[in-house]
Amino acid sequence: MTRRTERLSEDDRVLWNLVARTAKPLKGRTAVDIPDIGAETRPTPPQPAPLAGAPAGAAKPKAQHIAHALDEPTLDKLSKGRLPIEGRVDLHGLTQDEAYSLLFSFLRRAHAGGIRYVLVITGKGSSSGGDGVLRRAVPAWLSTPAFRPLVSSHDHAARNHGGSGALYVRLRRVRS
């Protein structure tokens, strides 16, 4: 049996670390400390804007470019399956930091691979009736400067693809 000499890419290492942190050790074993590799290379999630009652000296948030919504014909084709969804990522159960880094690395790899349409599953949120944190945060993240070179537009998915708990994302074309 031969050992593989290939090394994980930085994106794969970040994804593996996210998964490894959720693993529980076997009975009688101690947990292994997983270092946060790649933290210095991934962008940090945007901080929430100050509230309306913030002190006068507080910095005002910069105007952010809002990503365009998908056009109706494209949205219709995606929902009816006439336009293929070439990738999907499920962010259920992740913290905001984990979800942000997983989403960023997934979209970066998909964009590099020439994929145009992906499905991002955020979940609908808590069972207590409130909107989920990721359900609110992911559309805002997709409009930030870190995602702007990757994302062309996004919109809520059709009911058969997760409805309000998922998003269709159109990635920008790769420039030659």
N, C-alpha and C. Protein backbone atom coordinates (compact mmCIF):
# COMPACT_ATOMS: atom_id res chain seq x y z
N MET A 1 0.84 -1.17 0.00
CA MET A 1 0.00 0.00 0.00
C MET A 1 0.89 1.24 0.00
N THR A 2 0.61 2.18 -0.87
CA THR A 2 1.41 3.39 -0.95
C THR A 2 0.70 4.54 -0.29
N ARG A 3 1.47 5.45 0.26
CA ARG A 3 0.90 6.64 0.88
C ARG A 3 0.79 7.73 -0.16
N ARG A 4 -0.26 8.50 -0.07
CA ARG A 4 -0.43 9.61 -0.97
C ARG A 4 0.48 10.75 -0.52
N THR A 5 1.15 11.36 -1.45
CA THR A 5 2.05 12.46 -1.11
C THR A 5 1.42 13.81 -1.41
N GLU A 6 0.20 13.82 -1.92
CA GLU A 6 -0.47 15.08 -2.23
C GLU A 6 -0.81 15.81 -0.93
N ARG A 7 -0.72 17.10 -0.96
CA ARG A 7 -1.08 17.93 0.18
C ARG A 7 -2.45 18.55 -0.07
N LEU A 8 -3.16 18.84 1.02
CA LEU A 8 -4.46 19.49 0.89
C LEU A 8 -4.26 20.94 0.46
N SER A 9 -5.17 21.43 -0.37
CA SER A 9 -5.13 22.85 -0.72
C SER A 9 -5.57 23.64 0.52
N GLU A 10 -5.35 24.92 0.52
CA GLU A 10 -5.71 25.76 1.66
C GLU A 10 -7.21 25.71 1.91
N ASP A 11 -8.02 25.73 0.84
CA ASP A 11 -9.48 25.65 0.99
C ASP A 11 -9.90 24.32 1.61
N ASP A 12 -9.30 23.23 1.13
CA ASP A 12 -9.62 21.92 1.67
C ASP A 12 -9.20 21.79 3.13
N ARG A 13 -8.07 22.40 3.47
CA ARG A 13 -7.60 22.36 4.86
C ARG A 13 -8.57 23.10 5.78
N VAL A 14 -9.07 24.26 5.33
CA VAL A 14 -10.03 25.02 6.13
C VAL A 14 -11.30 24.19 6.33
N LEU A 15 -11.79 23.59 5.24
CA LEU A 15 -12.99 22.76 5.32
C LEU A 15 -12.77 21.57 6.25
N TRP A 16 -11.63 20.91 6.14
CA TRP A 16 -11.34 19.77 6.99
C TRP A 16 -11.30 20.18 8.46
N ASN A 17 -10.69 21.31 8.76
CA ASN A 17 -10.61 21.78 10.14
C ASN A 17 -12.00 22.06 10.71
N LEU A 18 -12.91 22.60 9.88
CA LEU A 18 -14.27 22.84 10.34
C LEU A 18 -14.96 21.52 10.69
N VAL A 19 -14.76 20.51 9.87
CA VAL A 19 -15.37 19.21 10.12
C VAL A 19 -14.72 18.53 11.32
N ALA A 20 -13.40 18.60 11.40
CA ALA A 20 -12.68 17.92 12.48
C ALA A 20 -13.05 18.47 13.85
N ARG A 21 -13.37 19.76 13.94
CA ARG A 21 -13.74 20.34 15.23
C ARG A 21 -15.07 19.79 15.74
N THR A 22 -15.92 19.31 14.84
CA THR A 22 -17.23 18.81 15.27
C THR A 22 -17.19 17.34 15.68
N ALA A 23 -16.08 16.66 15.41
CA ALA A 23 -15.97 15.23 15.74
C ALA A 23 -15.79 15.05 17.24
N LYS A 24 -16.43 14.01 17.78
CA LYS A 24 -16.29 13.68 19.19
C LYS A 24 -15.29 12.53 19.31
N PRO A 25 -14.38 12.60 20.30
CA PRO A 25 -13.40 11.52 20.45
C PRO A 25 -14.07 10.22 20.90
N LEU A 26 -13.42 9.10 20.59
CA LEU A 26 -13.90 7.80 21.03
C LEU A 26 -13.86 7.73 22.55
N LYS A 27 -14.66 6.83 23.09
CA LYS A 27 -14.71 6.66 24.54
C LYS A 27 -13.31 6.30 25.06
N GLY A 28 -12.87 7.02 26.09
CA GLY A 28 -11.56 6.76 26.68
C GLY A 28 -10.43 7.52 26.01
N ARG A 29 -10.70 8.27 24.96
CA ARG A 29 -9.67 9.05 24.27
C ARG A 29 -9.87 10.52 24.56
N THR A 30 -8.79 11.28 24.45
CA THR A 30 -8.89 12.72 24.64
C THR A 30 -8.99 13.41 23.29
N ALA A 31 -9.65 14.54 23.29
CA ALA A 31 -9.82 15.31 22.05
C ALA A 31 -8.48 15.90 21.62
N VAL A 32 -8.25 15.93 20.33
CA VAL A 32 -7.04 16.52 19.77
C VAL A 32 -7.33 17.97 19.45
N ASP A 33 -6.43 18.85 19.83
CA ASP A 33 -6.62 20.27 19.53
C ASP A 33 -6.33 20.52 18.06
N ILE A 34 -7.31 21.04 17.34
CA ILE A 34 -7.18 21.32 15.91
C ILE A 34 -6.82 22.80 15.76
N PRO A 35 -5.63 23.11 15.23
CA PRO A 35 -5.28 24.52 15.05
C PRO A 35 -6.12 25.14 13.95
N ASP A 36 -6.33 26.43 14.04
CA ASP A 36 -7.11 27.15 13.04
C ASP A 36 -6.20 27.55 11.89
N ILE A 37 -5.91 26.60 11.02
CA ILE A 37 -5.04 26.86 9.88
C ILE A 37 -5.82 27.62 8.83
N GLY A 38 -5.20 28.61 8.26
CA GLY A 38 -5.84 29.36 7.19
C GLY A 38 -6.62 30.56 7.69
N ALA A 39 -6.64 30.80 8.99
CA ALA A 39 -7.39 31.93 9.51
C ALA A 39 -6.83 33.24 8.99
N GLU A 40 -5.52 33.27 8.78
CA GLU A 40 -4.93 34.52 8.31
C GLU A 40 -5.16 34.75 6.82
N THR A 41 -5.56 33.71 6.08
CA THR A 41 -5.76 33.88 4.65
C THR A 41 -7.21 34.13 4.28
N ARG A 42 -8.14 33.77 5.16
CA ARG A 42 -9.53 33.97 4.79
C ARG A 42 -10.02 35.33 5.30
N PRO A 43 -10.94 35.94 4.61
CA PRO A 43 -11.45 37.23 5.06
C PRO A 43 -12.31 37.04 6.30
N THR A 44 -12.43 38.10 7.09
CA THR A 44 -13.25 38.01 8.28
C THR A 44 -14.67 38.46 7.95
N PRO A 45 -15.66 37.90 8.63
CA PRO A 45 -17.03 38.30 8.36
C PRO A 45 -17.22 39.78 8.68
N PRO A 46 -18.07 40.45 7.92
CA PRO A 46 -18.29 41.87 8.18
C PRO A 46 -18.95 42.07 9.54
N GLN A 47 -18.59 43.15 10.19
CA GLN A 47 -19.16 43.48 11.48
C GLN A 47 -20.48 44.20 11.27
N PRO A 48 -21.45 43.99 12.19
CA PRO A 48 -22.73 44.67 12.02
C PRO A 48 -22.57 46.18 12.13
N ALA A 49 -23.42 46.90 11.41
CA ALA A 49 -23.38 48.36 11.42
C ALA A 49 -23.83 48.87 12.78
N PRO A 50 -23.32 50.04 13.21
CA PRO A 50 -23.75 50.59 14.49
C PRO A 50 -25.25 50.89 14.47
N LEU A 51 -25.87 50.81 15.63
CA LEU A 51 -27.30 51.08 15.73
C LEU A 51 -27.59 52.54 15.53
N ALA A 52 -28.86 52.87 15.29
CA ALA A 52 -29.26 54.26 15.04
C ALA A 52 -28.92 55.15 16.23
N GLY A 53 -28.95 54.61 17.42
CA GLY A 53 -28.66 55.40 18.61
C GLY A 53 -27.18 55.42 18.97
N ALA A 54 -26.30 55.10 18.02
CA ALA A 54 -24.87 55.06 18.29
C ALA A 54 -24.34 56.45 18.57
N PRO A 55 -23.25 56.57 19.33
CA PRO A 55 -22.68 57.88 19.62
C PRO A 55 -22.30 58.63 18.35
N ALA A 56 -22.30 59.96 18.43
CA ALA A 56 -22.03 60.78 17.25
C ALA A 56 -20.64 60.54 16.70
N GLY A 57 -19.69 60.15 17.54
CA GLY A 57 -18.31 59.93 17.10
C GLY A 57 -18.10 58.58 16.43
N ALA A 58 -19.13 57.74 16.41
CA ALA A 58 -18.99 56.41 15.82
C ALA A 58 -18.86 56.51 14.31
N ALA A 59 -18.03 55.64 13.76
CA ALA A 59 -17.82 55.66 12.32
C ALA A 59 -19.08 55.22 11.60
N LYS A 60 -19.40 55.91 10.51
CA LYS A 60 -20.57 55.55 9.72
C LYS A 60 -20.18 54.41 8.79
N PRO A 61 -21.08 53.44 8.59
CA PRO A 61 -20.76 52.34 7.69
C PRO A 61 -20.69 52.82 6.26
N LYS A 62 -19.77 52.19 5.50
CA LYS A 62 -19.64 52.53 4.09
C LYS A 62 -20.84 51.98 3.34
N ALA A 63 -21.25 52.67 2.29
CA ALA A 63 -22.34 52.17 1.47
C ALA A 63 -21.87 50.91 0.76
N GLN A 64 -22.66 49.85 0.87
CA GLN A 64 -22.27 48.59 0.25
C GLN A 64 -23.05 48.38 -1.02
N HIS A 65 -22.37 47.82 -2.02
CA HIS A 65 -23.01 47.48 -3.27
C HIS A 65 -23.90 46.27 -3.04
N ILE A 66 -25.14 46.38 -3.41
CA ILE A 66 -26.08 45.27 -3.25
C ILE A 66 -26.04 44.43 -4.51
N ALA A 67 -25.85 43.13 -4.35
CA ALA A 67 -25.84 42.23 -5.50
C ALA A 67 -27.24 42.23 -6.12
N HIS A 68 -27.28 42.10 -7.42
CA HIS A 68 -28.56 42.10 -8.13
C HIS A 68 -29.32 40.82 -7.85
N ALA A 69 -30.64 40.93 -7.88
CA ALA A 69 -31.47 39.73 -7.78
C ALA A 69 -31.47 39.03 -9.13
N LEU A 70 -31.71 37.74 -9.11
CA LEU A 70 -31.78 36.98 -10.36
C LEU A 70 -32.98 37.46 -11.17
N ASP A 71 -32.83 37.47 -12.49
CA ASP A 71 -33.94 37.86 -13.34
C ASP A 71 -34.99 36.75 -13.34
N GLU A 72 -36.24 37.11 -13.64
CA GLU A 72 -37.36 36.17 -13.58
C GLU A 72 -37.18 34.94 -14.47
N PRO A 73 -36.74 35.08 -15.74
CA PRO A 73 -36.59 33.87 -16.56
C PRO A 73 -35.56 32.89 -15.98
N THR A 74 -34.46 33.41 -15.47
CA THR A 74 -33.43 32.55 -14.88
C THR A 74 -33.96 31.88 -13.62
N LEU A 75 -34.64 32.64 -12.78
CA LEU A 75 -35.22 32.10 -11.55
C LEU A 75 -36.23 31.00 -11.87
N ASP A 76 -37.03 31.21 -12.90
CA ASP A 76 -38.02 30.23 -13.33
C ASP A 76 -37.34 28.95 -13.83
N LYS A 77 -36.28 29.10 -14.63
CA LYS A 77 -35.56 27.94 -15.16
C LYS A 77 -34.89 27.15 -14.04
N LEU A 78 -34.31 27.84 -13.07
CA LEU A 78 -33.67 27.16 -11.94
C LEU A 78 -34.71 26.39 -11.12
N SER A 79 -35.83 27.03 -10.85
CA SER A 79 -36.84 26.39 -10.01
C SER A 79 -37.47 25.18 -10.69
N LYS A 80 -37.58 25.20 -12.01
CA LYS A 80 -38.18 24.08 -12.74
C LYS A 80 -37.16 23.03 -13.18
N GLY A 81 -35.88 23.28 -12.87
CA GLY A 81 -34.85 22.29 -13.19
C GLY A 81 -34.36 22.34 -14.62
N ARG A 82 -34.73 23.38 -15.37
CA ARG A 82 -34.28 23.49 -16.75
C ARG A 82 -32.89 24.12 -16.86
N LEU A 83 -32.42 24.68 -15.76
CA LEU A 83 -31.07 25.23 -15.67
C LEU A 83 -30.40 24.49 -14.52
N PRO A 84 -29.26 23.81 -14.78
CA PRO A 84 -28.70 22.95 -13.73
C PRO A 84 -28.06 23.73 -12.58
N ILE A 85 -28.29 23.22 -11.38
CA ILE A 85 -27.58 23.71 -10.20
C ILE A 85 -26.35 22.83 -10.10
N GLU A 86 -25.18 23.43 -10.33
CA GLU A 86 -23.95 22.65 -10.47
C GLU A 86 -23.21 22.39 -9.16
N GLY A 87 -23.67 23.00 -8.09
CA GLY A 87 -23.03 22.78 -6.80
C GLY A 87 -23.96 23.21 -5.69
N ARG A 88 -23.74 22.66 -4.51
CA ARG A 88 -24.55 23.06 -3.36
C ARG A 88 -23.70 22.95 -2.10
N VAL A 89 -24.00 23.82 -1.15
CA VAL A 89 -23.30 23.81 0.13
C VAL A 89 -24.36 23.98 1.22
N ASP A 90 -24.25 23.18 2.27
CA ASP A 90 -25.21 23.21 3.37
C ASP A 90 -24.52 23.81 4.60
N LEU A 91 -25.06 24.91 5.09
CA LEU A 91 -24.47 25.63 6.21
C LEU A 91 -25.19 25.35 7.53
N HIS A 92 -26.13 24.39 7.54
CA HIS A 92 -26.87 24.04 8.76
C HIS A 92 -25.93 23.76 9.93
N GLY A 93 -26.27 24.29 11.08
CA GLY A 93 -25.55 23.93 12.30
C GLY A 93 -24.19 24.56 12.48
N LEU A 94 -23.77 25.41 11.56
CA LEU A 94 -22.45 26.04 11.69
C LEU A 94 -22.58 27.39 12.38
N THR A 95 -21.52 27.81 13.04
CA THR A 95 -21.48 29.17 13.59
C THR A 95 -21.29 30.14 12.44
N GLN A 96 -21.45 31.41 12.70
CA GLN A 96 -21.29 32.40 11.63
C GLN A 96 -19.88 32.36 11.05
N ASP A 97 -18.87 32.26 11.90
CA ASP A 97 -17.49 32.23 11.41
C ASP A 97 -17.23 31.00 10.56
N GLU A 98 -17.71 29.84 11.01
CA GLU A 98 -17.54 28.61 10.25
C GLU A 98 -18.28 28.68 8.91
N ALA A 99 -19.52 29.18 8.97
CA ALA A 99 -20.32 29.28 7.75
C ALA A 99 -19.68 30.25 6.76
N TYR A 100 -19.16 31.36 7.26
CA TYR A 100 -18.56 32.36 6.38
C TYR A 100 -17.34 31.78 5.66
N SER A 101 -16.46 31.12 6.41
CA SER A 101 -15.26 30.59 5.77
C SER A 101 -15.59 29.44 4.83
N LEU A 102 -16.54 28.59 5.19
CA LEU A 102 -16.95 27.50 4.30
C LEU A 102 -17.59 28.05 3.03
N LEU A 103 -18.47 29.03 3.17
CA LEU A 103 -19.13 29.63 2.01
C LEU A 103 -18.12 30.30 1.10
N PHE A 104 -17.19 31.05 1.69
CA PHE A 104 -16.19 31.75 0.87
C PHE A 104 -15.31 30.76 0.11
N SER A 105 -14.83 29.72 0.79
CA SER A 105 -13.96 28.76 0.11
C SER A 105 -14.74 27.97 -0.94
N PHE A 106 -15.99 27.61 -0.64
CA PHE A 106 -16.82 26.89 -1.61
C PHE A 106 -17.05 27.74 -2.86
N LEU A 107 -17.44 28.99 -2.68
CA LEU A 107 -17.71 29.85 -3.84
C LEU A 107 -16.44 30.14 -4.63
N ARG A 108 -15.32 30.27 -3.94
CA ARG A 108 -14.06 30.52 -4.64
C ARG A 108 -13.68 29.32 -5.51
N ARG A 109 -13.84 28.10 -4.96
CA ARG A 109 -13.54 26.90 -5.74
C ARG A 109 -14.52 26.73 -6.90
N ALA A 110 -15.80 26.98 -6.65
CA ALA A 110 -16.81 26.84 -7.70
C ALA A 110 -16.55 27.84 -8.82
N HIS A 111 -16.21 29.07 -8.45
CA HIS A 111 -15.91 30.10 -9.45
C HIS A 111 -14.70 29.72 -10.28
N ALA A 112 -13.66 29.23 -9.61
CA ALA A 112 -12.44 28.81 -10.32
C ALA A 112 -12.73 27.65 -11.25
N GLY A 113 -13.69 26.80 -10.89
CA GLY A 113 -14.06 25.66 -11.72
C GLY A 113 -15.02 26.00 -12.84
N GLY A 114 -15.39 27.26 -12.97
CA GLY A 114 -16.28 27.68 -14.05
C GLY A 114 -17.75 27.39 -13.81
N ILE A 115 -18.12 27.09 -12.57
CA ILE A 115 -19.52 26.82 -12.25
C ILE A 115 -20.29 28.14 -12.23
N ARG A 116 -21.53 28.11 -12.74
CA ARG A 116 -22.33 29.32 -12.82
C ARG A 116 -23.40 29.42 -11.74
N TYR A 117 -24.12 28.32 -11.45
CA TYR A 117 -25.23 28.37 -10.50
C TYR A 117 -25.03 27.36 -9.38
N VAL A 118 -25.15 27.86 -8.14
CA VAL A 118 -25.03 26.99 -6.98
C VAL A 118 -26.20 27.25 -6.03
N LEU A 119 -26.44 26.30 -5.16
CA LEU A 119 -27.48 26.42 -4.15
C LEU A 119 -26.80 26.50 -2.78
N VAL A 120 -27.10 27.54 -2.03
CA VAL A 120 -26.56 27.72 -0.68
C VAL A 120 -27.70 27.49 0.29
N ILE A 121 -27.60 26.46 1.12
CA ILE A 121 -28.65 26.10 2.07
C ILE A 121 -28.29 26.70 3.42
N THR A 122 -29.12 27.63 3.88
CA THR A 122 -28.87 28.28 5.17
C THR A 122 -29.74 27.71 6.27
N GLY A 123 -30.85 27.10 5.93
CA GLY A 123 -31.82 26.68 6.92
C GLY A 123 -32.77 27.84 7.20
N LYS A 124 -33.90 27.52 7.78
CA LYS A 124 -34.92 28.56 8.01
C LYS A 124 -34.78 29.22 9.36
N GLY A 125 -33.96 28.67 10.22
CA GLY A 125 -33.75 29.31 11.51
C GLY A 125 -34.27 28.51 12.66
N SER A 126 -34.34 29.15 13.80
CA SER A 126 -34.72 28.46 15.03
C SER A 126 -36.19 28.08 15.02
N SER A 127 -36.52 27.10 15.82
CA SER A 127 -37.90 26.65 15.89
C SER A 127 -38.77 27.59 16.71
N SER A 128 -38.16 28.59 17.35
CA SER A 128 -38.93 29.51 18.18
C SER A 128 -39.62 30.60 17.36
N GLY A 129 -39.57 30.50 16.04
CA GLY A 129 -40.31 31.43 15.21
C GLY A 129 -39.49 32.58 14.66
N GLY A 130 -38.28 32.79 15.15
CA GLY A 130 -37.46 33.88 14.65
C GLY A 130 -36.70 33.48 13.41
N ASP A 131 -36.26 34.48 12.65
CA ASP A 131 -35.43 34.20 11.48
C ASP A 131 -34.08 33.67 11.96
N GLY A 132 -33.52 32.77 11.19
CA GLY A 132 -32.22 32.23 11.52
C GLY A 132 -31.13 33.25 11.28
N VAL A 133 -30.07 33.12 12.03
CA VAL A 133 -28.93 34.03 11.90
C VAL A 133 -28.32 33.92 10.50
N LEU A 134 -28.08 32.70 10.04
CA LEU A 134 -27.47 32.52 8.72
C LEU A 134 -28.42 32.93 7.60
N ARG A 135 -29.70 32.70 7.81
CA ARG A 135 -30.70 33.10 6.81
C ARG A 135 -30.64 34.60 6.55
N ARG A 136 -30.39 35.38 7.60
CA ARG A 136 -30.27 36.83 7.45
C ARG A 136 -28.88 37.25 7.00
N ALA A 137 -27.85 36.56 7.50
CA ALA A 137 -26.47 37.00 7.28
C ALA A 137 -25.94 36.67 5.89
N VAL A 138 -26.25 35.50 5.36
CA VAL A 138 -25.65 35.07 4.10
C VAL A 138 -25.95 36.03 2.94
N PRO A 139 -27.21 36.49 2.74
CA PRO A 139 -27.43 37.45 1.66
C PRO A 139 -26.62 38.75 1.84
N ALA A 140 -26.42 39.17 3.09
CA ALA A 140 -25.60 40.36 3.34
C ALA A 140 -24.14 40.08 2.99
N TRP A 141 -23.65 38.90 3.34
CA TRP A 141 -22.26 38.55 3.02
C TRP A 141 -22.03 38.54 1.52
N LEU A 142 -23.00 38.04 0.77
CA LEU A 142 -22.83 37.92 -0.69
C LEU A 142 -22.71 39.28 -1.36
N SER A 143 -23.10 40.34 -0.65
CA SER A 143 -23.01 41.70 -1.20
C SER A 143 -21.78 42.46 -0.73
N THR A 144 -20.90 41.81 0.03
CA THR A 144 -19.71 42.48 0.56
C THR A 144 -18.58 42.46 -0.47
N PRO A 145 -17.57 43.32 -0.31
CA PRO A 145 -16.45 43.35 -1.25
C PRO A 145 -15.70 42.03 -1.38
N ALA A 146 -15.65 41.22 -0.33
CA ALA A 146 -14.94 39.94 -0.41
C ALA A 146 -15.59 39.00 -1.42
N PHE A 147 -16.92 39.03 -1.51
CA PHE A 147 -17.64 38.14 -2.41
C PHE A 147 -17.92 38.76 -3.77
N ARG A 148 -17.75 40.05 -3.89
CA ARG A 148 -18.11 40.74 -5.14
C ARG A 148 -17.42 40.19 -6.39
N PRO A 149 -16.13 39.81 -6.34
CA PRO A 149 -15.52 39.24 -7.55
C PRO A 149 -16.07 37.86 -7.92
N LEU A 150 -16.76 37.21 -7.00
CA LEU A 150 -17.26 35.85 -7.23
C LEU A 150 -18.74 35.82 -7.60
N VAL A 151 -19.55 36.63 -6.91
CA VAL A 151 -21.01 36.53 -7.02
C VAL A 151 -21.57 37.60 -7.94
N SER A 152 -22.36 37.17 -8.90
CA SER A 152 -23.04 38.08 -9.81
C SER A 152 -24.40 38.49 -9.24
N SER A 153 -25.17 37.50 -8.77
CA SER A 153 -26.49 37.78 -8.21
C SER A 153 -26.94 36.60 -7.36
N HIS A 154 -27.98 36.84 -6.57
CA HIS A 154 -28.54 35.77 -5.74
C HIS A 154 -30.00 36.07 -5.47
N ASP A 155 -30.74 35.02 -5.13
CA ASP A 155 -32.16 35.17 -4.82
C ASP A 155 -32.62 33.96 -4.02
N HIS A 156 -33.77 34.08 -3.37
CA HIS A 156 -34.31 32.95 -2.60
C HIS A 156 -34.65 31.81 -3.55
N ALA A 157 -34.44 30.60 -3.07
CA ALA A 157 -34.68 29.41 -3.87
C ALA A 157 -36.18 29.11 -3.93
N ALA A 158 -36.55 28.31 -4.93
CA ALA A 158 -37.93 27.85 -5.05
C ALA A 158 -38.23 26.87 -3.92
N ARG A 159 -39.49 26.64 -3.69
CA ARG A 159 -39.92 25.79 -2.60
C ARG A 159 -39.30 24.39 -2.68
N ASN A 160 -39.21 23.83 -3.90
CA ASN A 160 -38.67 22.48 -4.05
C ASN A 160 -37.16 22.41 -3.83
N HIS A 161 -36.49 23.55 -3.73
CA HIS A 161 -35.05 23.59 -3.45
C HIS A 161 -34.75 24.15 -2.05
N GLY A 162 -35.76 24.30 -1.23
CA GLY A 162 -35.53 24.78 0.14
C GLY A 162 -36.23 26.06 0.47
N GLY A 163 -36.85 26.70 -0.51
CA GLY A 163 -37.61 27.92 -0.26
C GLY A 163 -36.79 29.02 0.39
N SER A 164 -37.34 29.61 1.44
CA SER A 164 -36.66 30.73 2.09
C SER A 164 -35.46 30.29 2.91
N GLY A 165 -35.24 28.98 3.02
CA GLY A 165 -34.07 28.47 3.74
C GLY A 165 -32.90 28.18 2.83
N ALA A 166 -32.98 28.63 1.57
CA ALA A 166 -31.90 28.39 0.62
C ALA A 166 -31.83 29.55 -0.37
N LEU A 167 -30.68 29.69 -1.00
CA LEU A 167 -30.47 30.76 -1.98
C LEU A 167 -29.88 30.19 -3.26
N TYR A 168 -30.37 30.69 -4.39
CA TYR A 168 -29.69 30.45 -5.65
C TYR A 168 -28.62 31.52 -5.78
N VAL A 169 -27.42 31.13 -6.17
CA VAL A 169 -26.34 32.10 -6.36
C VAL A 169 -25.79 31.92 -7.77
N ARG A 170 -25.76 33.02 -8.53
CA ARG A 170 -25.14 33.00 -9.85
C ARG A 170 -23.73 33.56 -9.69
N LEU A 171 -22.74 32.76 -10.09
CA LEU A 171 -21.35 33.20 -9.99
C LEU A 171 -20.94 33.92 -11.26
N ARG A 172 -19.99 34.81 -11.12
CA ARG A 172 -19.49 35.55 -12.28
C ARG A 172 -18.72 34.60 -13.20
N ARG A 173 -18.67 34.97 -14.46
CA ARG A 173 -17.90 34.19 -15.42
C ARG A 173 -16.41 34.37 -15.12
N VAL A 174 -15.64 33.32 -15.37
CA VAL A 174 -14.21 33.37 -15.18
C VAL A 174 -13.61 34.13 -16.35
N ARG A 175 -12.81 35.12 -16.05
CA ARG A 175 -12.17 35.90 -17.12
C ARG A 175 -10.91 35.20 -17.57
N SER A 176 -10.73 35.11 -18.88
CA SER A 176 -9.56 34.42 -19.45
C SER A 176 -8.35 35.31 -19.49
